[in-house]
Amino acid sequence: MKSVETKLEGPVARLIQARRTIRSFKSDPVSRSLLLELLNVAVWAPNHLNRQPWRFILFQDEGRTTFANAMVQTYSAEDKEKYGKKKLEYYKAVPAHLIVVMKEDPRQKVWDEDYAAVCSLIQNFQLAAWEQGLGVVWKTNHFGYDPRFRNDVGVQAGEKIVGILHIGYPDIVPPVQLRTPAEELLTVIEE
């Protein structure tokens, strides 16, 4: 795979290319006011008819234990034995967990538009967080579909979890992963 090259050098282009998915966080807390500022930037995501189909559930401080316990309870007995303690420790140590949910709509077109809007919001959040020195990993784990987890974290009937964001100051920033140049993926139809 060739490295993607671009001539765009503006601040947005640089920010998009610099952002990394962070899985290892420092223990430093993240202020709720900063998270709210980031969300207030993120809500400017494009969304059809200004439906703003999103809602947020934040776990900080002791709330991280609630999140971690809700997640681990979805494991089988075997997985709890193998991974439970390590996962509990990891999730309790991450400074903040943000669940981003959307209102589900039975009309497929509306559902698709709303899902795309919420995904755009999450990308906005990640970019704004990176600009402020915060790292994020966007997860869509199996436990997000488990009724026990959904109940314990406050996801309501008629809502879909679009992403679970783990947020904190990066401890380890992974290296750049190459991207396929758009030229290799573009089909042009001129007639």
N, C-alpha and C. Protein backbone atom coordinates (compact mmCIF):
# COMPACT_ATOMS: atom_id res chain seq x y z
N MET A 1 0.84 -1.17 0.00
CA MET A 1 0.00 0.00 0.00
C MET A 1 0.89 1.24 0.00
N LYS A 2 0.54 2.17 -0.89
CA LYS A 2 1.27 3.43 -0.95
C LYS A 2 0.76 4.37 0.14
N SER A 3 1.62 5.30 0.51
CA SER A 3 1.21 6.32 1.47
C SER A 3 0.36 7.36 0.76
N VAL A 4 -0.68 7.80 1.41
CA VAL A 4 -1.54 8.84 0.86
C VAL A 4 -0.80 10.17 0.96
N GLU A 5 -0.79 10.89 -0.13
CA GLU A 5 -0.17 12.21 -0.14
C GLU A 5 -1.23 13.23 -0.49
N THR A 6 -1.17 14.37 0.17
CA THR A 6 -2.10 15.44 -0.11
C THR A 6 -1.36 16.76 -0.09
N LYS A 7 -1.86 17.69 -0.86
CA LYS A 7 -1.27 19.03 -0.89
C LYS A 7 -2.00 19.97 0.07
N LEU A 8 -3.07 19.47 0.68
CA LEU A 8 -3.83 20.30 1.62
C LEU A 8 -3.03 20.44 2.91
N GLU A 9 -2.83 21.67 3.32
CA GLU A 9 -2.01 21.95 4.50
C GLU A 9 -2.74 22.80 5.54
N GLY A 10 -4.04 22.97 5.40
CA GLY A 10 -4.80 23.79 6.34
C GLY A 10 -4.94 23.11 7.69
N PRO A 11 -5.39 23.86 8.68
CA PRO A 11 -5.48 23.30 10.04
C PRO A 11 -6.44 22.12 10.14
N VAL A 12 -7.53 22.13 9.41
CA VAL A 12 -8.49 21.02 9.49
C VAL A 12 -7.88 19.77 8.87
N ALA A 13 -7.26 19.91 7.69
CA ALA A 13 -6.63 18.77 7.04
C ALA A 13 -5.54 18.17 7.93
N ARG A 14 -4.73 19.02 8.54
CA ARG A 14 -3.67 18.52 9.43
C ARG A 14 -4.26 17.82 10.65
N LEU A 15 -5.33 18.37 11.22
CA LEU A 15 -5.97 17.78 12.39
C LEU A 15 -6.53 16.40 12.05
N ILE A 16 -7.20 16.28 10.93
CA ILE A 16 -7.78 15.00 10.50
C ILE A 16 -6.67 13.96 10.36
N GLN A 17 -5.57 14.33 9.75
CA GLN A 17 -4.48 13.38 9.53
C GLN A 17 -3.70 13.07 10.80
N ALA A 18 -3.69 13.97 11.76
CA ALA A 18 -2.92 13.77 12.99
C ALA A 18 -3.66 12.93 14.02
N ARG A 19 -4.98 12.95 13.99
CA ARG A 19 -5.77 12.24 15.01
C ARG A 19 -5.45 10.75 15.02
N ARG A 20 -5.36 10.20 16.21
CA ARG A 20 -5.12 8.77 16.38
C ARG A 20 -6.16 8.20 17.35
N THR A 21 -6.43 6.93 17.20
CA THR A 21 -7.27 6.22 18.15
C THR A 21 -6.39 5.87 19.35
N ILE A 22 -6.84 6.26 20.52
CA ILE A 22 -6.06 6.07 21.74
C ILE A 22 -6.73 5.01 22.62
N ARG A 23 -5.95 4.04 23.03
CA ARG A 23 -6.45 2.97 23.91
C ARG A 23 -5.75 2.96 25.26
N SER A 24 -4.68 3.71 25.37
CA SER A 24 -3.92 3.76 26.63
C SER A 24 -3.91 5.20 27.13
N PHE A 25 -4.50 5.40 28.30
CA PHE A 25 -4.72 6.75 28.82
C PHE A 25 -3.94 6.99 30.10
N LYS A 26 -3.55 8.23 30.30
CA LYS A 26 -3.00 8.65 31.59
C LYS A 26 -4.14 8.68 32.60
N SER A 27 -3.80 8.69 33.87
CA SER A 27 -4.84 8.68 34.90
C SER A 27 -5.42 10.07 35.16
N ASP A 28 -4.88 11.11 34.53
CA ASP A 28 -5.36 12.47 34.74
C ASP A 28 -6.86 12.57 34.44
N PRO A 29 -7.62 13.19 35.33
CA PRO A 29 -9.06 13.35 35.05
C PRO A 29 -9.30 14.32 33.90
N VAL A 30 -10.44 14.16 33.27
CA VAL A 30 -10.87 15.06 32.21
C VAL A 30 -12.04 15.85 32.77
N SER A 31 -11.96 17.16 32.71
CA SER A 31 -13.01 17.98 33.32
C SER A 31 -14.33 17.84 32.55
N ARG A 32 -15.40 17.82 33.29
CA ARG A 32 -16.73 17.74 32.68
C ARG A 32 -16.99 18.97 31.82
N SER A 33 -16.49 20.12 32.25
CA SER A 33 -16.71 21.33 31.45
C SER A 33 -16.04 21.22 30.09
N LEU A 34 -14.86 20.61 30.02
CA LEU A 34 -14.20 20.41 28.73
C LEU A 34 -15.01 19.44 27.88
N LEU A 35 -15.48 18.35 28.48
CA LEU A 35 -16.29 17.40 27.72
C LEU A 35 -17.56 18.05 27.18
N LEU A 36 -18.19 18.90 27.97
CA LEU A 36 -19.38 19.61 27.49
C LEU A 36 -19.05 20.57 26.36
N GLU A 37 -17.91 21.26 26.46
CA GLU A 37 -17.49 22.14 25.37
C GLU A 37 -17.29 21.34 24.09
N LEU A 38 -16.66 20.18 24.21
CA LEU A 38 -16.43 19.33 23.04
C LEU A 38 -17.74 18.85 22.44
N LEU A 39 -18.68 18.47 23.30
CA LEU A 39 -19.99 18.04 22.80
C LEU A 39 -20.72 19.20 22.13
N ASN A 40 -20.57 20.40 22.68
CA ASN A 40 -21.23 21.56 22.08
C ASN A 40 -20.64 21.94 20.73
N VAL A 41 -19.41 21.54 20.49
CA VAL A 41 -18.84 21.68 19.13
C VAL A 41 -19.36 20.55 18.25
N ALA A 42 -19.35 19.34 18.81
CA ALA A 42 -19.73 18.15 18.02
C ALA A 42 -21.16 18.21 17.51
N VAL A 43 -22.07 18.84 18.26
CA VAL A 43 -23.48 18.85 17.84
C VAL A 43 -23.72 19.67 16.57
N TRP A 44 -22.69 20.31 16.08
CA TRP A 44 -22.81 21.03 14.81
C TRP A 44 -22.69 20.09 13.62
N ALA A 45 -22.72 18.79 13.87
CA ALA A 45 -22.69 17.81 12.78
C ALA A 45 -23.89 18.01 11.87
N PRO A 46 -23.70 17.76 10.58
CA PRO A 46 -24.85 17.85 9.68
C PRO A 46 -25.89 16.79 10.06
N ASN A 47 -27.15 17.21 10.10
CA ASN A 47 -28.22 16.25 10.40
C ASN A 47 -29.48 16.71 9.69
N HIS A 48 -30.11 15.77 9.01
CA HIS A 48 -31.25 16.06 8.15
C HIS A 48 -32.39 16.69 8.95
N LEU A 49 -32.92 17.79 8.43
CA LEU A 49 -34.03 18.53 9.02
C LEU A 49 -33.75 18.96 10.46
N ASN A 50 -32.49 19.06 10.81
CA ASN A 50 -32.07 19.48 12.15
C ASN A 50 -32.75 18.63 13.24
N ARG A 51 -32.84 17.31 12.99
CA ARG A 51 -33.50 16.41 13.95
C ARG A 51 -32.68 16.23 15.22
N GLN A 52 -31.36 16.37 15.13
CA GLN A 52 -30.48 16.21 16.29
C GLN A 52 -30.86 14.94 17.06
N PRO A 53 -30.67 13.78 16.46
CA PRO A 53 -31.18 12.52 17.02
C PRO A 53 -30.32 11.90 18.11
N TRP A 54 -29.45 12.66 18.74
CA TRP A 54 -28.49 12.10 19.68
C TRP A 54 -28.80 12.41 21.14
N ARG A 55 -28.21 11.60 21.99
CA ARG A 55 -28.24 11.79 23.44
C ARG A 55 -26.96 11.20 23.99
N PHE A 56 -26.54 11.66 25.17
CA PHE A 56 -25.25 11.26 25.73
C PHE A 56 -25.40 10.80 27.17
N ILE A 57 -24.62 9.77 27.53
CA ILE A 57 -24.57 9.28 28.91
C ILE A 57 -23.09 9.25 29.29
N LEU A 58 -22.72 10.01 30.31
CA LEU A 58 -21.32 10.16 30.71
C LEU A 58 -21.05 9.44 32.04
N PHE A 59 -19.95 8.70 32.06
CA PHE A 59 -19.50 8.01 33.27
C PHE A 59 -18.12 8.54 33.64
N GLN A 60 -18.02 9.19 34.79
CA GLN A 60 -16.76 9.71 35.32
C GLN A 60 -16.67 9.34 36.79
N ASP A 61 -15.48 9.53 37.35
CA ASP A 61 -15.27 9.30 38.77
C ASP A 61 -15.78 7.91 39.15
N GLU A 62 -16.64 7.82 40.18
CA GLU A 62 -17.15 6.52 40.62
C GLU A 62 -18.11 5.91 39.60
N GLY A 63 -18.65 6.73 38.72
CA GLY A 63 -19.52 6.22 37.66
C GLY A 63 -18.82 5.24 36.74
N ARG A 64 -17.49 5.33 36.69
CA ARG A 64 -16.72 4.39 35.86
C ARG A 64 -16.89 2.96 36.37
N THR A 65 -17.07 2.81 37.68
CA THR A 65 -17.30 1.48 38.24
C THR A 65 -18.64 0.93 37.78
N THR A 66 -19.66 1.78 37.75
CA THR A 66 -20.97 1.38 37.23
C THR A 66 -20.84 0.90 35.80
N PHE A 67 -20.12 1.68 34.97
CA PHE A 67 -19.91 1.30 33.57
C PHE A 67 -19.18 -0.04 33.48
N ALA A 68 -18.07 -0.17 34.22
CA ALA A 68 -17.25 -1.38 34.15
C ALA A 68 -18.04 -2.61 34.59
N ASN A 69 -18.78 -2.49 35.68
CA ASN A 69 -19.57 -3.62 36.16
C ASN A 69 -20.66 -4.00 35.16
N ALA A 70 -21.30 -3.01 34.56
CA ALA A 70 -22.35 -3.29 33.56
C ALA A 70 -21.76 -4.03 32.37
N MET A 71 -20.55 -3.66 31.99
CA MET A 71 -19.91 -4.31 30.85
C MET A 71 -19.51 -5.74 31.19
N VAL A 72 -18.86 -5.96 32.32
CA VAL A 72 -18.34 -7.28 32.66
C VAL A 72 -19.46 -8.28 32.92
N GLN A 73 -20.60 -7.82 33.41
CA GLN A 73 -21.70 -8.75 33.68
C GLN A 73 -22.25 -9.40 32.41
N THR A 74 -21.92 -8.84 31.24
CA THR A 74 -22.41 -9.42 29.99
C THR A 74 -21.53 -10.59 29.53
N TYR A 75 -20.40 -10.79 30.18
CA TYR A 75 -19.49 -11.87 29.81
C TYR A 75 -20.04 -13.23 30.24
N SER A 76 -19.68 -14.25 29.52
CA SER A 76 -19.98 -15.61 29.95
C SER A 76 -19.15 -15.90 31.20
N ALA A 77 -19.51 -16.94 31.92
CA ALA A 77 -18.75 -17.31 33.13
C ALA A 77 -17.28 -17.56 32.78
N GLU A 78 -17.05 -18.19 31.67
CA GLU A 78 -15.67 -18.48 31.24
C GLU A 78 -14.89 -17.20 30.94
N ASP A 79 -15.53 -16.29 30.21
CA ASP A 79 -14.86 -15.02 29.89
C ASP A 79 -14.65 -14.16 31.13
N LYS A 80 -15.61 -14.19 32.05
CA LYS A 80 -15.42 -13.45 33.31
C LYS A 80 -14.19 -13.96 34.03
N GLU A 81 -14.05 -15.27 34.06
CA GLU A 81 -12.89 -15.87 34.72
C GLU A 81 -11.59 -15.47 34.02
N LYS A 82 -11.59 -15.49 32.69
CA LYS A 82 -10.38 -15.19 31.92
C LYS A 82 -10.05 -13.70 31.90
N TYR A 83 -11.07 -12.87 31.64
CA TYR A 83 -10.82 -11.45 31.33
C TYR A 83 -11.44 -10.46 32.31
N GLY A 84 -12.36 -10.91 33.14
CA GLY A 84 -13.16 -10.01 33.95
C GLY A 84 -12.36 -9.05 34.80
N LYS A 85 -11.43 -9.55 35.57
CA LYS A 85 -10.66 -8.68 36.48
C LYS A 85 -9.85 -7.64 35.71
N LYS A 86 -9.21 -8.09 34.65
CA LYS A 86 -8.38 -7.17 33.84
C LYS A 86 -9.25 -6.09 33.18
N LYS A 87 -10.41 -6.49 32.65
CA LYS A 87 -11.29 -5.51 32.01
C LYS A 87 -11.87 -4.54 33.03
N LEU A 88 -12.24 -5.03 34.20
CA LEU A 88 -12.74 -4.13 35.24
C LEU A 88 -11.69 -3.09 35.60
N GLU A 89 -10.47 -3.51 35.78
CA GLU A 89 -9.39 -2.58 36.11
C GLU A 89 -9.19 -1.56 35.00
N TYR A 90 -9.19 -2.04 33.74
CA TYR A 90 -8.98 -1.13 32.61
C TYR A 90 -10.09 -0.07 32.56
N TYR A 91 -11.35 -0.50 32.59
CA TYR A 91 -12.46 0.43 32.43
C TYR A 91 -12.61 1.38 33.62
N LYS A 92 -12.23 0.94 34.80
CA LYS A 92 -12.26 1.83 35.96
C LYS A 92 -11.15 2.88 35.88
N ALA A 93 -10.08 2.57 35.13
CA ALA A 93 -8.94 3.49 35.03
C ALA A 93 -9.11 4.53 33.92
N VAL A 94 -9.92 4.23 32.92
CA VAL A 94 -10.14 5.20 31.84
C VAL A 94 -10.85 6.42 32.43
N PRO A 95 -10.35 7.63 32.19
CA PRO A 95 -10.93 8.81 32.84
C PRO A 95 -12.41 9.08 32.57
N ALA A 96 -12.89 8.76 31.38
CA ALA A 96 -14.30 9.03 31.07
C ALA A 96 -14.81 8.06 30.00
N HIS A 97 -16.06 7.67 30.17
CA HIS A 97 -16.76 6.85 29.17
C HIS A 97 -18.00 7.64 28.76
N LEU A 98 -18.16 7.80 27.46
CA LEU A 98 -19.32 8.53 26.94
C LEU A 98 -20.08 7.61 25.99
N ILE A 99 -21.32 7.33 26.32
CA ILE A 99 -22.18 6.54 25.43
C ILE A 99 -22.99 7.51 24.60
N VAL A 100 -22.90 7.34 23.29
CA VAL A 100 -23.63 8.18 22.35
C VAL A 100 -24.75 7.33 21.77
N VAL A 101 -25.99 7.76 22.01
CA VAL A 101 -27.15 7.00 21.52
C VAL A 101 -27.95 7.86 20.56
N MET A 102 -28.72 7.16 19.73
CA MET A 102 -29.62 7.85 18.80
C MET A 102 -31.02 7.31 18.98
N LYS A 103 -31.99 8.16 18.69
CA LYS A 103 -33.38 7.73 18.65
C LYS A 103 -33.55 6.87 17.40
N GLU A 104 -34.11 5.68 17.58
CA GLU A 104 -34.36 4.83 16.42
C GLU A 104 -35.67 5.25 15.77
N ASP A 105 -35.72 5.11 14.48
CA ASP A 105 -36.92 5.45 13.73
C ASP A 105 -37.26 4.26 12.84
N PRO A 106 -38.52 3.85 12.77
CA PRO A 106 -38.88 2.68 11.96
C PRO A 106 -38.73 2.91 10.45
N ARG A 107 -38.64 4.16 10.03
CA ARG A 107 -38.48 4.46 8.60
C ARG A 107 -36.98 4.33 8.26
N GLN A 108 -36.64 3.43 7.36
CA GLN A 108 -35.23 3.13 7.08
C GLN A 108 -34.46 4.36 6.62
N LYS A 109 -35.04 5.18 5.76
CA LYS A 109 -34.34 6.37 5.28
C LYS A 109 -34.01 7.31 6.43
N VAL A 110 -34.96 7.55 7.32
CA VAL A 110 -34.73 8.42 8.47
C VAL A 110 -33.69 7.80 9.39
N TRP A 111 -33.79 6.49 9.63
CA TRP A 111 -32.82 5.78 10.46
C TRP A 111 -31.41 5.96 9.90
N ASP A 112 -31.27 5.75 8.58
CA ASP A 112 -29.95 5.89 7.94
C ASP A 112 -29.41 7.32 8.07
N GLU A 113 -30.28 8.30 7.83
CA GLU A 113 -29.85 9.70 7.95
C GLU A 113 -29.41 10.03 9.37
N ASP A 114 -30.19 9.56 10.34
CA ASP A 114 -29.87 9.84 11.74
C ASP A 114 -28.59 9.13 12.16
N TYR A 115 -28.41 7.89 11.75
CA TYR A 115 -27.19 7.15 12.08
C TYR A 115 -25.97 7.86 11.51
N ALA A 116 -26.08 8.30 10.26
CA ALA A 116 -24.97 9.02 9.64
C ALA A 116 -24.68 10.32 10.40
N ALA A 117 -25.70 11.00 10.83
CA ALA A 117 -25.52 12.25 11.57
C ALA A 117 -24.81 12.00 12.89
N VAL A 118 -25.21 10.96 13.59
CA VAL A 118 -24.58 10.66 14.88
C VAL A 118 -23.12 10.24 14.68
N CYS A 119 -22.85 9.49 13.62
CA CYS A 119 -21.45 9.14 13.32
C CYS A 119 -20.64 10.40 13.01
N SER A 120 -21.23 11.34 12.32
CA SER A 120 -20.54 12.61 12.06
C SER A 120 -20.28 13.36 13.36
N LEU A 121 -21.26 13.34 14.26
CA LEU A 121 -21.08 13.97 15.57
C LEU A 121 -19.90 13.34 16.31
N ILE A 122 -19.81 12.01 16.28
CA ILE A 122 -18.71 11.34 16.98
C ILE A 122 -17.38 11.73 16.37
N GLN A 123 -17.29 11.80 15.05
CA GLN A 123 -16.03 12.23 14.42
C GLN A 123 -15.71 13.67 14.79
N ASN A 124 -16.72 14.54 14.81
CA ASN A 124 -16.49 15.92 15.25
C ASN A 124 -15.92 15.92 16.67
N PHE A 125 -16.50 15.12 17.55
CA PHE A 125 -16.05 15.05 18.93
C PHE A 125 -14.60 14.60 19.00
N GLN A 126 -14.28 13.55 18.25
CA GLN A 126 -12.91 13.03 18.27
C GLN A 126 -11.90 14.08 17.80
N LEU A 127 -12.24 14.80 16.74
CA LEU A 127 -11.32 15.81 16.21
C LEU A 127 -11.17 16.98 17.19
N ALA A 128 -12.28 17.43 17.76
CA ALA A 128 -12.21 18.53 18.72
C ALA A 128 -11.43 18.10 19.96
N ALA A 129 -11.62 16.85 20.39
CA ALA A 129 -10.89 16.33 21.56
C ALA A 129 -9.40 16.28 21.26
N TRP A 130 -9.03 15.78 20.08
CA TRP A 130 -7.62 15.69 19.71
C TRP A 130 -6.97 17.08 19.70
N GLU A 131 -7.71 18.04 19.19
CA GLU A 131 -7.20 19.41 19.15
C GLU A 131 -6.91 19.93 20.57
N GLN A 132 -7.64 19.43 21.56
CA GLN A 132 -7.46 19.85 22.96
C GLN A 132 -6.52 18.91 23.74
N GLY A 133 -5.87 18.00 23.03
CA GLY A 133 -4.92 17.10 23.68
C GLY A 133 -5.52 15.84 24.27
N LEU A 134 -6.78 15.56 23.96
CA LEU A 134 -7.46 14.36 24.47
C LEU A 134 -7.49 13.27 23.41
N GLY A 135 -7.40 12.04 23.87
CA GLY A 135 -7.53 10.90 22.98
C GLY A 135 -8.86 10.22 23.20
N VAL A 136 -9.31 9.54 22.15
CA VAL A 136 -10.60 8.85 22.19
C VAL A 136 -10.45 7.53 21.43
N VAL A 137 -11.12 6.50 21.94
CA VAL A 137 -11.34 5.29 21.14
C VAL A 137 -12.85 5.11 21.06
N TRP A 138 -13.34 4.88 19.84
CA TRP A 138 -14.77 4.71 19.55
C TRP A 138 -15.01 3.22 19.46
N LYS A 139 -15.81 2.68 20.37
CA LYS A 139 -16.05 1.24 20.43
C LYS A 139 -17.51 0.92 20.13
N THR A 140 -17.70 -0.25 19.52
CA THR A 140 -19.03 -0.78 19.25
C THR A 140 -19.05 -2.25 19.67
N ASN A 141 -18.69 -2.52 20.92
CA ASN A 141 -18.56 -3.89 21.41
C ASN A 141 -19.90 -4.61 21.51
N HIS A 142 -19.82 -5.95 21.60
CA HIS A 142 -21.01 -6.79 21.70
C HIS A 142 -21.89 -6.43 22.89
N PHE A 143 -21.28 -5.99 23.99
CA PHE A 143 -22.08 -5.74 25.19
C PHE A 143 -23.05 -4.59 25.01
N GLY A 144 -22.84 -3.74 24.00
CA GLY A 144 -23.76 -2.64 23.73
C GLY A 144 -25.13 -3.11 23.28
N TYR A 145 -25.22 -4.39 22.91
CA TYR A 145 -26.50 -4.96 22.48
C TYR A 145 -27.17 -5.77 23.59
N ASP A 146 -26.47 -5.97 24.69
CA ASP A 146 -26.98 -6.79 25.78
C ASP A 146 -28.00 -5.99 26.59
N PRO A 147 -29.22 -6.54 26.77
CA PRO A 147 -30.26 -5.81 27.52
C PRO A 147 -29.83 -5.45 28.94
N ARG A 148 -29.04 -6.30 29.58
CA ARG A 148 -28.58 -6.00 30.95
C ARG A 148 -27.69 -4.77 30.96
N PHE A 149 -26.75 -4.71 30.02
CA PHE A 149 -25.85 -3.55 29.93
C PHE A 149 -26.67 -2.30 29.64
N ARG A 150 -27.52 -2.38 28.62
CA ARG A 150 -28.31 -1.22 28.21
C ARG A 150 -29.14 -0.69 29.39
N ASN A 151 -29.75 -1.57 30.14
CA ASN A 151 -30.55 -1.17 31.29
C ASN A 151 -29.68 -0.51 32.36
N ASP A 152 -28.55 -1.14 32.66
CA ASP A 152 -27.70 -0.65 33.75
C ASP A 152 -27.05 0.69 33.46
N VAL A 153 -26.87 1.02 32.18
CA VAL A 153 -26.21 2.30 31.84
C VAL A 153 -27.22 3.38 31.42
N GLY A 154 -28.50 3.05 31.40
CA GLY A 154 -29.51 4.07 31.14
C GLY A 154 -29.89 4.26 29.69
N VAL A 155 -29.60 3.27 28.83
CA VAL A 155 -30.08 3.35 27.44
C VAL A 155 -31.55 2.97 27.45
N GLN A 156 -32.37 3.77 26.81
CA GLN A 156 -33.81 3.59 26.84
C GLN A 156 -34.30 2.77 25.65
N ALA A 157 -35.49 2.22 25.79
CA ALA A 157 -36.12 1.53 24.67
C ALA A 157 -36.24 2.50 23.52
N GLY A 158 -36.01 2.01 22.30
CA GLY A 158 -36.09 2.88 21.14
C GLY A 158 -34.82 3.67 20.87
N GLU A 159 -33.73 3.33 21.56
CA GLU A 159 -32.45 3.99 21.32
C GLU A 159 -31.42 2.96 20.89
N LYS A 160 -30.54 3.38 20.01
CA LYS A 160 -29.42 2.56 19.56
C LYS A 160 -28.13 3.18 20.08
N ILE A 161 -27.24 2.34 20.60
CA ILE A 161 -25.91 2.82 20.96
C ILE A 161 -25.10 2.90 19.67
N VAL A 162 -24.71 4.10 19.29
CA VAL A 162 -23.90 4.29 18.09
C VAL A 162 -22.42 4.16 18.42
N GLY A 163 -22.05 4.59 19.61
CA GLY A 163 -20.66 4.45 20.00
C GLY A 163 -20.49 4.60 21.49
N ILE A 164 -19.51 3.87 22.00
CA ILE A 164 -19.06 4.05 23.37
C ILE A 164 -17.66 4.63 23.24
N LEU A 165 -17.50 5.85 23.72
CA LEU A 165 -16.23 6.56 23.59
C LEU A 165 -15.49 6.50 24.92
N HIS A 166 -14.27 5.99 24.88
CA HIS A 166 -13.40 6.00 26.05
C HIS A 166 -12.47 7.19 25.84
N ILE A 167 -12.36 8.07 26.84
CA ILE A 167 -11.74 9.38 26.66
C ILE A 167 -10.72 9.65 27.76
N GLY A 168 -9.58 10.21 27.37
CA GLY A 168 -8.58 10.61 28.34
C GLY A 168 -7.37 11.21 27.66
N TYR A 169 -6.42 11.61 28.45
CA TYR A 169 -5.17 12.14 27.90
C TYR A 169 -4.31 10.96 27.48
N PRO A 170 -3.78 10.99 26.26
CA PRO A 170 -3.03 9.83 25.74
C PRO A 170 -1.79 9.50 26.57
N ASP A 171 -1.65 8.22 26.86
CA ASP A 171 -0.43 7.72 27.46
C ASP A 171 0.49 7.21 26.35
N ILE A 172 -0.10 6.50 25.41
CA ILE A 172 0.65 5.99 24.24
C ILE A 172 -0.11 6.43 22.99
N VAL A 173 0.62 7.08 22.08
CA VAL A 173 0.04 7.48 20.79
C VAL A 173 0.58 6.51 19.74
N PRO A 174 -0.31 5.74 19.11
CA PRO A 174 0.17 4.77 18.13
C PRO A 174 0.71 5.45 16.88
N PRO A 175 1.54 4.74 16.13
CA PRO A 175 2.08 5.31 14.90
C PRO A 175 1.00 5.43 13.82
N VAL A 176 1.33 6.18 12.80
CA VAL A 176 0.45 6.34 11.64
C VAL A 176 0.23 4.99 10.98
N GLN A 177 -1.02 4.72 10.61
CA GLN A 177 -1.32 3.55 9.80
C GLN A 177 -1.64 4.05 8.40
N LEU A 178 -1.04 3.43 7.41
CA LEU A 178 -1.21 3.88 6.04
C LEU A 178 -2.66 3.77 5.61
N ARG A 179 -3.03 4.64 4.71
CA ARG A 179 -4.37 4.64 4.12
C ARG A 179 -4.23 4.39 2.62
N THR A 180 -5.23 3.76 2.07
CA THR A 180 -5.27 3.53 0.63
C THR A 180 -5.58 4.86 -0.05
N PRO A 181 -4.77 5.25 -1.03
CA PRO A 181 -5.06 6.51 -1.73
C PRO A 181 -6.43 6.46 -2.42
N ALA A 182 -7.14 7.57 -2.36
CA ALA A 182 -8.47 7.65 -2.96
C ALA A 182 -8.44 7.33 -4.44
N GLU A 183 -7.34 7.63 -5.10
CA GLU A 183 -7.22 7.34 -6.54
C GLU A 183 -7.43 5.87 -6.83
N GLU A 184 -7.08 5.00 -5.88
CA GLU A 184 -7.24 3.56 -6.08
C GLU A 184 -8.67 3.10 -5.82
N LEU A 185 -9.49 3.96 -5.28
CA LEU A 185 -10.85 3.57 -4.89
C LEU A 185 -11.92 4.33 -5.65
N LEU A 186 -11.50 5.28 -6.47
CA LEU A 186 -12.42 6.18 -7.16
C LEU A 186 -12.82 5.63 -8.53
N THR A 187 -14.10 5.59 -8.77
CA THR A 187 -14.63 5.29 -10.11
C THR A 187 -15.17 6.59 -10.65
N VAL A 188 -14.71 6.97 -11.83
CA VAL A 188 -15.13 8.21 -12.47
C VAL A 188 -15.97 7.87 -13.68
N ILE A 189 -17.13 8.47 -13.78
CA ILE A 189 -18.01 8.29 -14.93
C ILE A 189 -18.18 9.67 -15.55
N GLU A 190 -17.71 9.83 -16.78
CA GLU A 190 -17.73 11.14 -17.41
C GLU A 190 -18.75 11.24 -18.54
N GLU A 191 -19.39 10.18 -18.91
CA GLU A 191 -20.39 10.28 -19.97
C GLU A 191 -21.66 9.59 -19.55
